[in-house]
Amino acid sequence: MAEPGSQYTLLSAILAIVALVWGVLALSAFANYRAFKLRTDLYWVVAFLLLTCARIGDAYVASHLAGLVAVMPAQARSAAEFSGFYGLRLAGLELAATFLVFYLFRLRR
């Protein structure tokens, strides 16, 4: 496994990309609402904005953990390495699922 600090840096970058895609989807849903005036599109906007905020928060926490992991004790460092490794796997899966949602959302019109 890679250095825990670099794992969290990569994790924060992946989560920032996911947040960016959710933000683009929120803008797209808002554009759909302005064009078609469907209340459902407003619900999509709210859902996408909430997901954007959640991922921005996760990216912020991961970026701070990247700096803190160097000063952790050995036992906490190994736990951080373990959680960073599985966090990367889940973030990669979420990135793929986000692009799938992006494709399916744009396909519906």
PDB file of N, CA and C in Angstrom:
ATOM      1  N   MET A   1       0.834  -1.175   0.000  1.00  0.00           N
ATOM      2  CA  MET A   1       0.000   0.000   0.000  1.00  0.00           C
ATOM      3  C   MET A   1       0.882   1.243   0.000  1.00  0.00           C
ATOM      4  N   ALA A   2       0.341   2.302  -0.530  1.00  0.00           N
ATOM      5  CA  ALA A   2       1.086   3.554  -0.615  1.00  0.00           C
ATOM      6  C   ALA A   2       1.096   4.257   0.735  1.00  0.00           C
ATOM      7  N   GLU A   3       1.852   5.308   0.808  1.00  0.00           N
ATOM      8  CA  GLU A   3       1.918   6.148   2.004  1.00  0.00           C
ATOM      9  C   GLU A   3       0.519   6.670   2.347  1.00  0.00           C
ATOM     10  N   PRO A   4       0.109   6.614   3.608  1.00  0.00           N
ATOM     11  CA  PRO A   4      -1.250   7.059   3.977  1.00  0.00           C
ATOM     12  C   PRO A   4      -1.537   8.511   3.614  1.00  0.00           C
ATOM     13  N   GLY A   5      -0.529   9.371   3.717  1.00  0.00           N
ATOM     14  CA  GLY A   5      -0.742  10.774   3.350  1.00  0.00           C
ATOM     15  C   GLY A   5      -1.096  10.934   1.882  1.00  0.00           C
ATOM     16  N   SER A   6      -0.400  10.183   1.027  1.00  0.00           N
ATOM     17  CA  SER A   6      -0.697  10.263  -0.409  1.00  0.00           C
ATOM     18  C   SER A   6      -2.039   9.599  -0.734  1.00  0.00           C
ATOM     19  N   GLN A   7      -2.413   8.581   0.050  1.00  0.00           N
ATOM     20  CA  GLN A   7      -3.728   7.968  -0.149  1.00  0.00           C
ATOM     21  C   GLN A   7      -4.833   8.979   0.122  1.00  0.00           C
ATOM     22  N   TYR A   8      -4.704   9.728   1.200  1.00  0.00           N
ATOM     23  CA  TYR A   8      -5.731  10.720   1.531  1.00  0.00           C
ATOM     24  C   TYR A   8      -5.724  11.896   0.565  1.00  0.00           C
ATOM     25  N   THR A   9      -4.557  12.236   0.033  1.00  0.00           N
ATOM     26  CA  THR A   9      -4.507  13.285  -0.983  1.00  0.00           C
ATOM     27  C   THR A   9      -5.237  12.839  -2.241  1.00  0.00           C
ATOM     28  N   LEU A  10      -4.988  11.608  -2.660  1.00  0.00           N
ATOM     29  CA  LEU A  10      -5.682  11.064  -3.821  1.00  0.00           C
ATOM     30  C   LEU A  10      -7.177  10.936  -3.548  1.00  0.00           C
ATOM     31  N   LEU A  11      -7.529  10.520  -2.335  1.00  0.00           N
ATOM     32  CA  LEU A  11      -8.931  10.402  -1.963  1.00  0.00           C
ATOM     33  C   LEU A  11      -9.628  11.760  -2.020  1.00  0.00           C
ATOM     34  N   SER A  12      -8.974  12.804  -1.540  1.00  0.00           N
ATOM     35  CA  SER A  12      -9.591  14.136  -1.598  1.00  0.00           C
ATOM     36  C   SER A  12      -9.738  14.608  -3.041  1.00  0.00           C
ATOM     37  N   ALA A  13      -8.795  14.268  -3.910  1.00  0.00           N
ATOM     38  CA  ALA A  13      -8.909  14.647  -5.325  1.00  0.00           C
ATOM     39  C   ALA A  13     -10.069  13.916  -5.996  1.00  0.00           C
ATOM     40  N   ILE A  14     -10.212  12.630  -5.720  1.00  0.00           N
ATOM     41  CA  ILE A  14     -11.319  11.864  -6.305  1.00  0.00           C
ATOM     42  C   ILE A  14     -12.653  12.394  -5.817  1.00  0.00           C
ATOM     43  N   LEU A  15     -12.751  12.694  -4.526  1.00  0.00           N
ATOM     44  CA  LEU A  15     -14.004  13.215  -3.989  1.00  0.00           C
ATOM     45  C   LEU A  15     -14.306  14.612  -4.523  1.00  0.00           C
ATOM     46  N   ALA A  16     -13.275  15.396  -4.804  1.00  0.00           N
ATOM     47  CA  ALA A  16     -13.498  16.713  -5.411  1.00  0.00           C
ATOM     48  C   ALA A  16     -14.036  16.565  -6.836  1.00  0.00           C
ATOM     49  N   ILE A  17     -13.541  15.584  -7.572  1.00  0.00           N
ATOM     50  CA  ILE A  17     -14.063  15.332  -8.927  1.00  0.00           C
ATOM     51  C   ILE A  17     -15.514  14.880  -8.852  1.00  0.00           C
ATOM     52  N   VAL A  18     -15.827  14.013  -7.889  1.00  0.00           N
ATOM     53  CA  VAL A  18     -17.205  13.559  -7.706  1.00  0.00           C
ATOM     54  C   VAL A  18     -18.109  14.746  -7.372  1.00  0.00           C
ATOM     55  N   ALA A  19     -17.644  15.638  -6.496  1.00  0.00           N
ATOM     56  CA  ALA A  19     -18.421  16.824  -6.140  1.00  0.00           C
ATOM     57  C   ALA A  19     -18.636  17.724  -7.351  1.00  0.00           C
ATOM     58  N   LEU A  20     -17.628  17.844  -8.189  1.00  0.00           N
ATOM     59  CA  LEU A  20     -17.749  18.653  -9.397  1.00  0.00           C
ATOM     60  C   LEU A  20     -18.802  18.075 -10.345  1.00  0.00           C
ATOM     61  N   VAL A  21     -18.803  16.764 -10.496  1.00  0.00           N
ATOM     62  CA  VAL A  21     -19.798  16.123 -11.373  1.00  0.00           C
ATOM     63  C   VAL A  21     -21.202  16.304 -10.799  1.00  0.00           C
ATOM     64  N   TRP A  22     -21.361  16.155  -9.461  1.00  0.00           N
ATOM     65  CA  TRP A  22     -22.678  16.385  -8.858  1.00  0.00           C
ATOM     66  C   TRP A  22     -23.114  17.832  -9.074  1.00  0.00           C
ATOM     67  N   GLY A  23     -22.176  18.772  -8.991  1.00  0.00           N
ATOM     68  CA  GLY A  23     -22.505  20.177  -9.239  1.00  0.00           C
ATOM     69  C   GLY A  23     -22.952  20.418 -10.668  1.00  0.00           C
ATOM     70  N   VAL A  24     -22.276  19.782 -11.611  1.00  0.00           N
ATOM     71  CA  VAL A  24     -22.680  19.903 -13.023  1.00  0.00           C
ATOM     72  C   VAL A  24     -24.075  19.314 -13.225  1.00  0.00           C
ATOM     73  N   LEU A  25     -24.343  18.203 -12.559  1.00  0.00           N
ATOM     74  CA  LEU A  25     -25.682  17.616 -12.653  1.00  0.00           C
ATOM     75  C   LEU A  25     -26.735  18.534 -12.041  1.00  0.00           C
ATOM     76  N   ALA A  26     -26.406  19.233 -10.965  1.00  0.00           N
ATOM     77  CA  ALA A  26     -27.353  20.186 -10.374  1.00  0.00           C
ATOM     78  C   ALA A  26     -27.634  21.333 -11.336  1.00  0.00           C
ATOM     79  N   LEU A  27     -26.592  21.819 -11.993  1.00  0.00           N
ATOM     80  CA  LEU A  27     -26.798  22.877 -12.991  1.00  0.00           C
ATOM     81  C   LEU A  27     -27.631  22.386 -14.173  1.00  0.00           C
ATOM     82  N   SER A  28     -27.392  21.167 -14.576  1.00  0.00           N
ATOM     83  CA  SER A  28     -28.158  20.585 -15.673  1.00  0.00           C
ATOM     84  C   SER A  28     -29.627  20.413 -15.301  1.00  0.00           C
ATOM     85  N   ALA A  29     -29.871  19.966 -14.078  1.00  0.00           N
ATOM     86  CA  ALA A  29     -31.258  19.810 -13.622  1.00  0.00           C
ATOM     87  C   ALA A  29     -31.944  21.167 -13.505  1.00  0.00           C
ATOM     88  N   PHE A  30     -31.195  22.183 -13.076  1.00  0.00           N
ATOM     89  CA  PHE A  30     -31.781  23.521 -13.001  1.00  0.00           C
ATOM     90  C   PHE A  30     -32.098  24.058 -14.391  1.00  0.00           C
ATOM     91  N   ALA A  31     -31.231  23.772 -15.353  1.00  0.00           N
ATOM     92  CA  ALA A  31     -31.507  24.183 -16.733  1.00  0.00           C
ATOM     93  C   ALA A  31     -32.749  23.470 -17.267  1.00  0.00           C
ATOM     94  N   ASN A  32     -32.901  22.190 -16.916  1.00  0.00           N
ATOM     95  CA  ASN A  32     -34.105  21.462 -17.314  1.00  0.00           C
ATOM     96  C   ASN A  32     -35.353  22.063 -16.673  1.00  0.00           C
ATOM     97  N   TYR A  33     -35.229  22.477 -15.420  1.00  0.00           N
ATOM     98  CA  TYR A  33     -36.377  23.100 -14.750  1.00  0.00           C
ATOM     99  C   TYR A  33     -36.755  24.407 -15.443  1.00  0.00           C
ATOM    100  N   ARG A  34     -35.767  25.197 -15.797  1.00  0.00           N
ATOM    101  CA  ARG A  34     -36.070  26.478 -16.457  1.00  0.00           C
ATOM    102  C   ARG A  34     -36.675  26.267 -17.839  1.00  0.00           C
ATOM    103  N   ALA A  35     -36.314  25.171 -18.492  1.00  0.00           N
ATOM    104  CA  ALA A  35     -36.839  24.915 -19.830  1.00  0.00           C
ATOM    105  C   ALA A  35     -38.232  24.294 -19.795  1.00  0.00           C
ATOM    106  N   PHE A  36     -38.466  23.357 -18.884  1.00  0.00           N
ATOM    107  CA  PHE A  36     -39.710  22.583 -18.912  1.00  0.00           C
ATOM    108  C   PHE A  36     -40.650  22.862 -17.745  1.00  0.00           C
ATOM    109  N   LYS A  37     -40.191  23.586 -16.720  1.00  0.00           N
ATOM    110  CA  LYS A  37     -41.005  23.969 -15.555  1.00  0.00           C
ATOM    111  C   LYS A  37     -41.638  22.761 -14.857  1.00  0.00           C
ATOM    112  N   LEU A  38     -40.882  21.694 -14.710  1.00  0.00           N
ATOM    113  CA  LEU A  38     -41.353  20.523 -13.987  1.00  0.00           C
ATOM    114  C   LEU A  38     -40.818  20.556 -12.561  1.00  0.00           C
ATOM    115  N   ARG A  39     -41.695  20.335 -11.588  1.00  0.00           N
ATOM    116  CA  ARG A  39     -41.288  20.361 -10.184  1.00  0.00           C
ATOM    117  C   ARG A  39     -40.290  19.231  -9.880  1.00  0.00           C
ATOM    118  N   THR A  40     -40.377  18.150 -10.595  1.00  0.00           N
ATOM    119  CA  THR A  40     -39.457  17.033 -10.387  1.00  0.00           C
ATOM    120  C   THR A  40     -38.010  17.467 -10.604  1.00  0.00           C
ATOM    121  N   ASP A  41     -37.794  18.340 -11.559  1.00  0.00           N
ATOM    122  CA  ASP A  41     -36.431  18.818 -11.799  1.00  0.00           C
ATOM    123  C   ASP A  41     -35.908  19.627 -10.623  1.00  0.00           C
ATOM    124  N   LEU A  42     -36.771  20.327  -9.913  1.00  0.00           N
ATOM    125  CA  LEU A  42     -36.327  21.037  -8.708  1.00  0.00           C
ATOM    126  C   LEU A  42     -35.903  20.051  -7.624  1.00  0.00           C
ATOM    127  N   TYR A  43     -36.604  18.941  -7.512  1.00  0.00           N
ATOM    128  CA  TYR A  43     -36.206  17.913  -6.556  1.00  0.00           C
ATOM    129  C   TYR A  43     -34.840  17.333  -6.916  1.00  0.00           C
ATOM    130  N   TRP A  44     -34.604  17.157  -8.205  1.00  0.00           N
ATOM    131  CA  TRP A  44     -33.294  16.687  -8.660  1.00  0.00           C
ATOM    132  C   TRP A  44     -32.215  17.709  -8.290  1.00  0.00           C
ATOM    133  N   VAL A  45     -32.510  19.001  -8.468  1.00  0.00           N
ATOM    134  CA  VAL A  45     -31.544  20.045  -8.123  1.00  0.00           C
ATOM    135  C   VAL A  45     -31.175  19.951  -6.645  1.00  0.00           C
ATOM    136  N   VAL A  46     -32.184  19.839  -5.779  1.00  0.00           N
ATOM    137  CA  VAL A  46     -31.926  19.749  -4.340  1.00  0.00           C
ATOM    138  C   VAL A  46     -31.105  18.503  -4.012  1.00  0.00           C
ATOM    139  N   ALA A  47     -31.460  17.379  -4.595  1.00  0.00           N
ATOM    140  CA  ALA A  47     -30.721  16.135  -4.333  1.00  0.00           C
ATOM    141  C   ALA A  47     -29.263  16.252  -4.786  1.00  0.00           C
ATOM    142  N   PHE A  48     -29.049  16.796  -5.973  1.00  0.00           N
ATOM    143  CA  PHE A  48     -27.687  16.928  -6.478  1.00  0.00           C
ATOM    144  C   PHE A  48     -26.881  17.932  -5.659  1.00  0.00           C
ATOM    145  N   LEU A  49     -27.516  19.007  -5.196  1.00  0.00           N
ATOM    146  CA  LEU A  49     -26.797  19.972  -4.360  1.00  0.00           C
ATOM    147  C   LEU A  49     -26.423  19.376  -3.004  1.00  0.00           C
ATOM    148  N   LEU A  50     -27.314  18.575  -2.433  1.00  0.00           N
ATOM    149  CA  LEU A  50     -26.982  17.914  -1.175  1.00  0.00           C
ATOM    150  C   LEU A  50     -25.816  16.942  -1.347  1.00  0.00           C
ATOM    151  N   LEU A  51     -25.822  16.193  -2.439  1.00  0.00           N
ATOM    152  CA  LEU A  51     -24.707  15.280  -2.712  1.00  0.00           C
ATOM    153  C   LEU A  51     -23.406  16.052  -2.953  1.00  0.00           C
ATOM    154  N   THR A  52     -23.505  17.197  -3.610  1.00  0.00           N
ATOM    155  CA  THR A  52     -22.328  18.040  -3.833  1.00  0.00           C
ATOM    156  C   THR A  52     -21.741  18.508  -2.503  1.00  0.00           C
ATOM    157  N   CYS A  53     -22.611  18.996  -1.625  1.00  0.00           N
ATOM    158  CA  CYS A  53     -22.146  19.467  -0.310  1.00  0.00           C
ATOM    159  C   CYS A  53     -21.522  18.336   0.505  1.00  0.00           C
ATOM    160  N   ALA A  54     -22.111  17.160   0.445  1.00  0.00           N
ATOM    161  CA  ALA A  54     -21.563  16.022   1.192  1.00  0.00           C
ATOM    162  C   ALA A  54     -20.177  15.653   0.680  1.00  0.00           C
ATOM    163  N   ARG A  55     -19.991  15.636  -0.616  1.00  0.00           N
ATOM    164  CA  ARG A  55     -18.693  15.263  -1.170  1.00  0.00           C
ATOM    165  C   ARG A  55     -17.653  16.352  -0.947  1.00  0.00           C
ATOM    166  N   ILE A  56     -18.056  17.616  -0.955  1.00  0.00           N
ATOM    167  CA  ILE A  56     -17.110  18.693  -0.643  1.00  0.00           C
ATOM    168  C   ILE A  56     -16.621  18.539   0.796  1.00  0.00           C
ATOM    169  N   GLY A  57     -17.537  18.221   1.699  1.00  0.00           N
ATOM    170  CA  GLY A  57     -17.146  17.995   3.090  1.00  0.00           C
ATOM    171  C   GLY A  57     -16.219  16.817   3.243  1.00  0.00           C
ATOM    172  N   ASP A  58     -16.498  15.733   2.547  1.00  0.00           N
ATOM    173  CA  ASP A  58     -15.626  14.552   2.615  1.00  0.00           C
ATOM    174  C   ASP A  58     -14.234  14.855   2.044  1.00  0.00           C
ATOM    175  N   ALA A  59     -14.189  15.614   0.941  1.00  0.00           N
ATOM    176  CA  ALA A  59     -12.899  15.977   0.352  1.00  0.00           C
ATOM    177  C   ALA A  59     -12.112  16.875   1.300  1.00  0.00           C
ATOM    178  N   TYR A  60     -12.793  17.767   1.994  1.00  0.00           N
ATOM    179  CA  TYR A  60     -12.150  18.656   2.967  1.00  0.00           C
ATOM    180  C   TYR A  60     -11.554  17.846   4.116  1.00  0.00           C
ATOM    181  N   VAL A  61     -12.313  16.901   4.634  1.00  0.00           N
ATOM    182  CA  VAL A  61     -11.820  16.055   5.731  1.00  0.00           C
ATOM    183  C   VAL A  61     -10.639  15.212   5.266  1.00  0.00           C
ATOM    184  N   ALA A  62     -10.733  14.631   4.075  1.00  0.00           N
ATOM    185  CA  ALA A  62      -9.639  13.799   3.568  1.00  0.00           C
ATOM    186  C   ALA A  62      -8.370  14.623   3.350  1.00  0.00           C
ATOM    187  N   SER A  63      -8.512  15.870   2.902  1.00  0.00           N
ATOM    188  CA  SER A  63      -7.319  16.695   2.699  1.00  0.00           C
ATOM    189  C   SER A  63      -6.663  17.048   4.037  1.00  0.00           C
ATOM    190  N   HIS A  64      -7.456  17.238   5.085  1.00  0.00           N
ATOM    191  CA  HIS A  64      -6.875  17.500   6.393  1.00  0.00           C
ATOM    192  C   HIS A  64      -6.258  16.237   7.002  1.00  0.00           C
ATOM    193  N   LEU A  65      -6.842  15.096   6.752  1.00  0.00           N
ATOM    194  CA  LEU A  65      -6.256  13.848   7.246  1.00  0.00           C
ATOM    195  C   LEU A  65      -4.921  13.552   6.582  1.00  0.00           C
ATOM    196  N   ALA A  66      -4.752  14.015   5.348  1.00  0.00           N
ATOM    197  CA  ALA A  66      -3.485  13.799   4.652  1.00  0.00           C
ATOM    198  C   ALA A  66      -2.329  14.453   5.405  1.00  0.00           C
ATOM    199  N   GLY A  67      -2.580  15.615   5.984  1.00  0.00           N
ATOM    200  CA  GLY A  67      -1.531  16.279   6.745  1.00  0.00           C
ATOM    201  C   GLY A  67      -1.380  15.750   8.156  1.00  0.00           C
ATOM    202  N   LEU A  68      -2.462  15.262   8.737  1.00  0.00           N
ATOM    203  CA  LEU A  68      -2.421  14.802  10.121  1.00  0.00           C
ATOM    204  C   LEU A  68      -1.864  13.398  10.284  1.00  0.00           C
ATOM    205  N   VAL A  69      -1.910  12.605   9.231  1.00  0.00           N
ATOM    206  CA  VAL A  69      -1.511  11.203   9.357  1.00  0.00           C
ATOM    207  C   VAL A  69      -0.018  11.073   9.657  1.00  0.00           C
ATOM    208  N   ALA A  70       0.771  12.068   9.307  1.00  0.00           N
ATOM    209  CA  ALA A  70       2.219  11.998   9.550  1.00  0.00           C
ATOM    210  C   ALA A  70       2.561  12.117  11.029  1.00  0.00           C
ATOM    211  N   VAL A  71       1.709  12.768  11.805  1.00  0.00           N
ATOM    212  CA  VAL A  71       2.018  12.972  13.226  1.00  0.00           C
ATOM    213  C   VAL A  71       1.254  12.015  14.135  1.00  0.00           C
ATOM    214  N   MET A  72       0.571  11.047  13.561  1.00  0.00           N
ATOM    215  CA  MET A  72      -0.187  10.079  14.353  1.00  0.00           C
ATOM    216  C   MET A  72       0.738   9.030  14.964  1.00  0.00           C
ATOM    217  N   PRO A  73       0.325   8.448  16.098  1.00  0.00           N
ATOM    218  CA  PRO A  73       1.076   7.306  16.636  1.00  0.00           C
ATOM    219  C   PRO A  73       0.981   6.102  15.693  1.00  0.00           C
ATOM    220  N   ALA A  74       1.834   5.126  15.906  1.00  0.00           N
ATOM    221  CA  ALA A  74       1.933   3.985  14.979  1.00  0.00           C
ATOM    222  C   ALA A  74       0.631   3.211  14.856  1.00  0.00           C
ATOM    223  N   GLN A  75      -0.063   2.971  15.958  1.00  0.00           N
ATOM    224  CA  GLN A  75      -1.313   2.207  15.887  1.00  0.00           C
ATOM    225  C   GLN A  75      -2.394   2.985  15.143  1.00  0.00           C
ATOM    226  N   ALA A  76      -2.506   4.262  15.401  1.00  0.00           N
ATOM    227  CA  ALA A  76      -3.486   5.080  14.697  1.00  0.00           C
ATOM    228  C   ALA A  76      -3.105   5.231  13.228  1.00  0.00           C
ATOM    229  N   ARG A  77      -1.810   5.264  12.964  1.00  0.00           N
ATOM    230  CA  ARG A  77      -1.348   5.389  11.582  1.00  0.00           C
ATOM    231  C   ARG A  77      -1.727   4.153  10.761  1.00  0.00           C
ATOM    232  N   SER A  78      -1.595   2.963  11.360  1.00  0.00           N
ATOM    233  CA  SER A  78      -1.969   1.757  10.619  1.00  0.00           C
ATOM    234  C   SER A  78      -3.476   1.715  10.383  1.00  0.00           C
ATOM    235  N   ALA A  79      -4.257   2.194  11.340  1.00  0.00           N
ATOM    236  CA  ALA A  79      -5.707   2.264  11.135  1.00  0.00           C
ATOM    237  C   ALA A  79      -6.052   3.278  10.053  1.00  0.00           C
ATOM    238  N   ALA A  80      -5.329   4.392  10.026  1.00  0.00           N
ATOM    239  CA  ALA A  80      -5.567   5.399   8.987  1.00  0.00           C
ATOM    240  C   ALA A  80      -5.179   4.865   7.614  1.00  0.00           C
ATOM    241  N   GLU A  81      -4.116   4.084   7.565  1.00  0.00           N
ATOM    242  CA  GLU A  81      -3.704   3.482   6.294  1.00  0.00           C
ATOM    243  C   GLU A  81      -4.761   2.500   5.792  1.00  0.00           C
ATOM    244  N   PHE A  82      -5.291   1.704   6.701  1.00  0.00           N
ATOM    245  CA  PHE A  82      -6.335   0.734   6.343  1.00  0.00           C
ATOM    246  C   PHE A  82      -7.592   1.447   5.850  1.00  0.00           C
ATOM    247  N   SER A  83      -8.041   2.467   6.579  1.00  0.00           N
ATOM    248  CA  SER A  83      -9.264   3.157   6.177  1.00  0.00           C
ATOM    249  C   SER A  83      -9.040   3.973   4.912  1.00  0.00           C
ATOM    250  N   GLY A  84      -7.834   4.498   4.716  1.00  0.00           N
ATOM    251  CA  GLY A  84      -7.538   5.228   3.481  1.00  0.00           C
ATOM    252  C   GLY A  84      -7.565   4.329   2.269  1.00  0.00           C
ATOM    253  N   PHE A  85      -7.039   3.101   2.428  1.00  0.00           N
ATOM    254  CA  PHE A  85      -7.026   2.148   1.322  1.00  0.00           C
ATOM    255  C   PHE A  85      -8.449   1.788   0.900  1.00  0.00           C
ATOM    256  N   TYR A  86      -9.298   1.464   1.866  1.00  0.00           N
ATOM    257  CA  TYR A  86     -10.676   1.121   1.514  1.00  0.00           C
ATOM    258  C   TYR A  86     -11.497   2.336   1.135  1.00  0.00           C
ATOM    259  N   GLY A  87     -11.137   3.493   1.666  1.00  0.00           N
ATOM    260  CA  GLY A  87     -11.789   4.726   1.235  1.00  0.00           C
ATOM    261  C   GLY A  87     -11.519   5.016  -0.230  1.00  0.00           C
ATOM    262  N   LEU A  88     -10.296   4.723  -0.680  1.00  0.00           N
ATOM    263  CA  LEU A  88      -9.963   4.906  -2.095  1.00  0.00           C
ATOM    264  C   LEU A  88     -10.778   3.967  -2.978  1.00  0.00           C
ATOM    265  N   ARG A  89     -10.938   2.743  -2.545  1.00  0.00           N
ATOM    266  CA  ARG A  89     -11.716   1.782  -3.339  1.00  0.00           C
ATOM    267  C   ARG A  89     -13.168   2.245  -3.459  1.00  0.00           C
ATOM    268  N   LEU A  90     -13.724   2.675  -2.341  1.00  0.00           N
ATOM    269  CA  LEU A  90     -15.117   3.133  -2.367  1.00  0.00           C
ATOM    270  C   LEU A  90     -15.271   4.437  -3.154  1.00  0.00           C
ATOM    271  N   ALA A  91     -14.294   5.320  -3.068  1.00  0.00           N
ATOM    272  CA  ALA A  91     -14.360   6.570  -3.825  1.00  0.00           C
ATOM    273  C   ALA A  91     -14.264   6.304  -5.322  1.00  0.00           C
ATOM    274  N   GLY A  92     -13.442   5.343  -5.715  1.00  0.00           N
ATOM    275  CA  GLY A  92     -13.371   4.971  -7.129  1.00  0.00           C
ATOM    276  C   GLY A  92     -14.678   4.390  -7.630  1.00  0.00           C
ATOM    277  N   LEU A  93     -15.297   3.566  -6.817  1.00  0.00           N
ATOM    278  CA  LEU A  93     -16.604   3.016  -7.169  1.00  0.00           C
ATOM    279  C   LEU A  93     -17.656   4.124  -7.247  1.00  0.00           C
ATOM    280  N   GLU A  94     -17.600   5.059  -6.311  1.00  0.00           N
ATOM    281  CA  GLU A  94     -18.554   6.164  -6.342  1.00  0.00           C
ATOM    282  C   GLU A  94     -18.336   7.055  -7.557  1.00  0.00           C
ATOM    283  N   LEU A  95     -17.095   7.232  -7.959  1.00  0.00           N
ATOM    284  CA  LEU A  95     -16.809   8.027  -9.155  1.00  0.00           C
ATOM    285  C   LEU A  95     -17.412   7.373 -10.389  1.00  0.00           C
ATOM    286  N   ALA A  96     -17.259   6.064 -10.516  1.00  0.00           N
ATOM    287  CA  ALA A  96     -17.859   5.353 -11.648  1.00  0.00           C
ATOM    288  C   ALA A  96     -19.383   5.435 -11.604  1.00  0.00           C
ATOM    289  N   ALA A  97     -19.974   5.272 -10.425  1.00  0.00           N
ATOM    290  CA  ALA A  97     -21.431   5.353 -10.296  1.00  0.00           C
ATOM    291  C   ALA A  97     -21.929   6.757 -10.599  1.00  0.00           C
ATOM    292  N   THR A  98     -21.154   7.773 -10.226  1.00  0.00           N
ATOM    293  CA  THR A  98     -21.546   9.157 -10.502  1.00  0.00           C
ATOM    294  C   THR A  98     -21.576   9.428 -11.994  1.00  0.00           C
ATOM    295  N   PHE A  99     -20.578   8.935 -12.708  1.00  0.00           N
ATOM    296  CA  PHE A  99     -20.595   9.113 -14.159  1.00  0.00           C
ATOM    297  C   PHE A  99     -21.745   8.336 -14.809  1.00  0.00           C
ATOM    298  N   LEU A 100     -22.098   7.199 -14.243  1.00  0.00           N
ATOM    299  CA  LEU A 100     -23.252   6.453 -14.747  1.00  0.00           C
ATOM    300  C   LEU A 100     -24.543   7.245 -14.514  1.00  0.00           C
ATOM    301  N   VAL A 101     -24.687   7.841 -13.337  1.00  0.00           N
ATOM    302  CA  VAL A 101     -25.861   8.674 -13.059  1.00  0.00           C
ATOM    303  C   VAL A 101     -25.890   9.869 -13.997  1.00  0.00           C
ATOM    304  N   PHE A 102     -24.722  10.467 -14.243  1.00  0.00           N
ATOM    305  CA  PHE A 102     -24.641  11.587 -15.180  1.00  0.00           C
ATOM    306  C   PHE A 102     -25.131  11.171 -16.561  1.00  0.00           C
ATOM    307  N   TYR A 103     -24.684  10.019 -17.030  1.00  0.00           N
ATOM    308  CA  TYR A 103     -25.105   9.537 -18.337  1.00  0.00           C
ATOM    309  C   TYR A 103     -26.605   9.248 -18.359  1.00  0.00           C
ATOM    310  N   LEU A 104     -27.111   8.584 -17.337  1.00  0.00           N
ATOM    311  CA  LEU A 104     -28.529   8.248 -17.313  1.00  0.00           C
ATOM    312  C   LEU A 104     -29.418   9.477 -17.133  1.00  0.00           C
ATOM    313  N   PHE A 105     -28.972  10.453 -16.361  1.00  0.00           N
ATOM    314  CA  PHE A 105     -29.748  11.673 -16.193  1.00  0.00           C
ATOM    315  C   PHE A 105     -29.829  12.443 -17.489  1.00  0.00           C
ATOM    316  N   ARG A 106     -28.720  12.513 -18.222  1.00  0.00           N
ATOM    317  CA  ARG A 106     -28.746  13.233 -19.503  1.00  0.00           C
ATOM    318  C   ARG A 106     -29.509  12.445 -20.567  1.00  0.00           C
ATOM    319  N   LEU A 107     -29.587  11.147 -20.423  1.00  0.00           N
ATOM    320  CA  LEU A 107     -30.281  10.293 -21.381  1.00  0.00           C
ATOM    321  C   LEU A 107     -31.800  10.435 -21.285  1.00  0.00           C
ATOM    322  N   ARG A 108     -32.307  10.856 -20.144  1.00  0.00           N
ATOM    323  CA  ARG A 108     -33.743  10.873 -19.931  1.00  0.00           C
ATOM    324  C   ARG A 108     -34.456  11.943 -20.721  1.00  0.00           C
ATOM    325  N   ARG A 109     -33.775  12.923 -21.245  1.00  0.00           N
ATOM    326  CA  ARG A 109     -34.413  13.964 -22.056  1.00  0.00           C
ATOM    327  C   ARG A 109     -34.209  13.707 -23.513  1.00  0.00           C
TER     328      ARG A 109
END
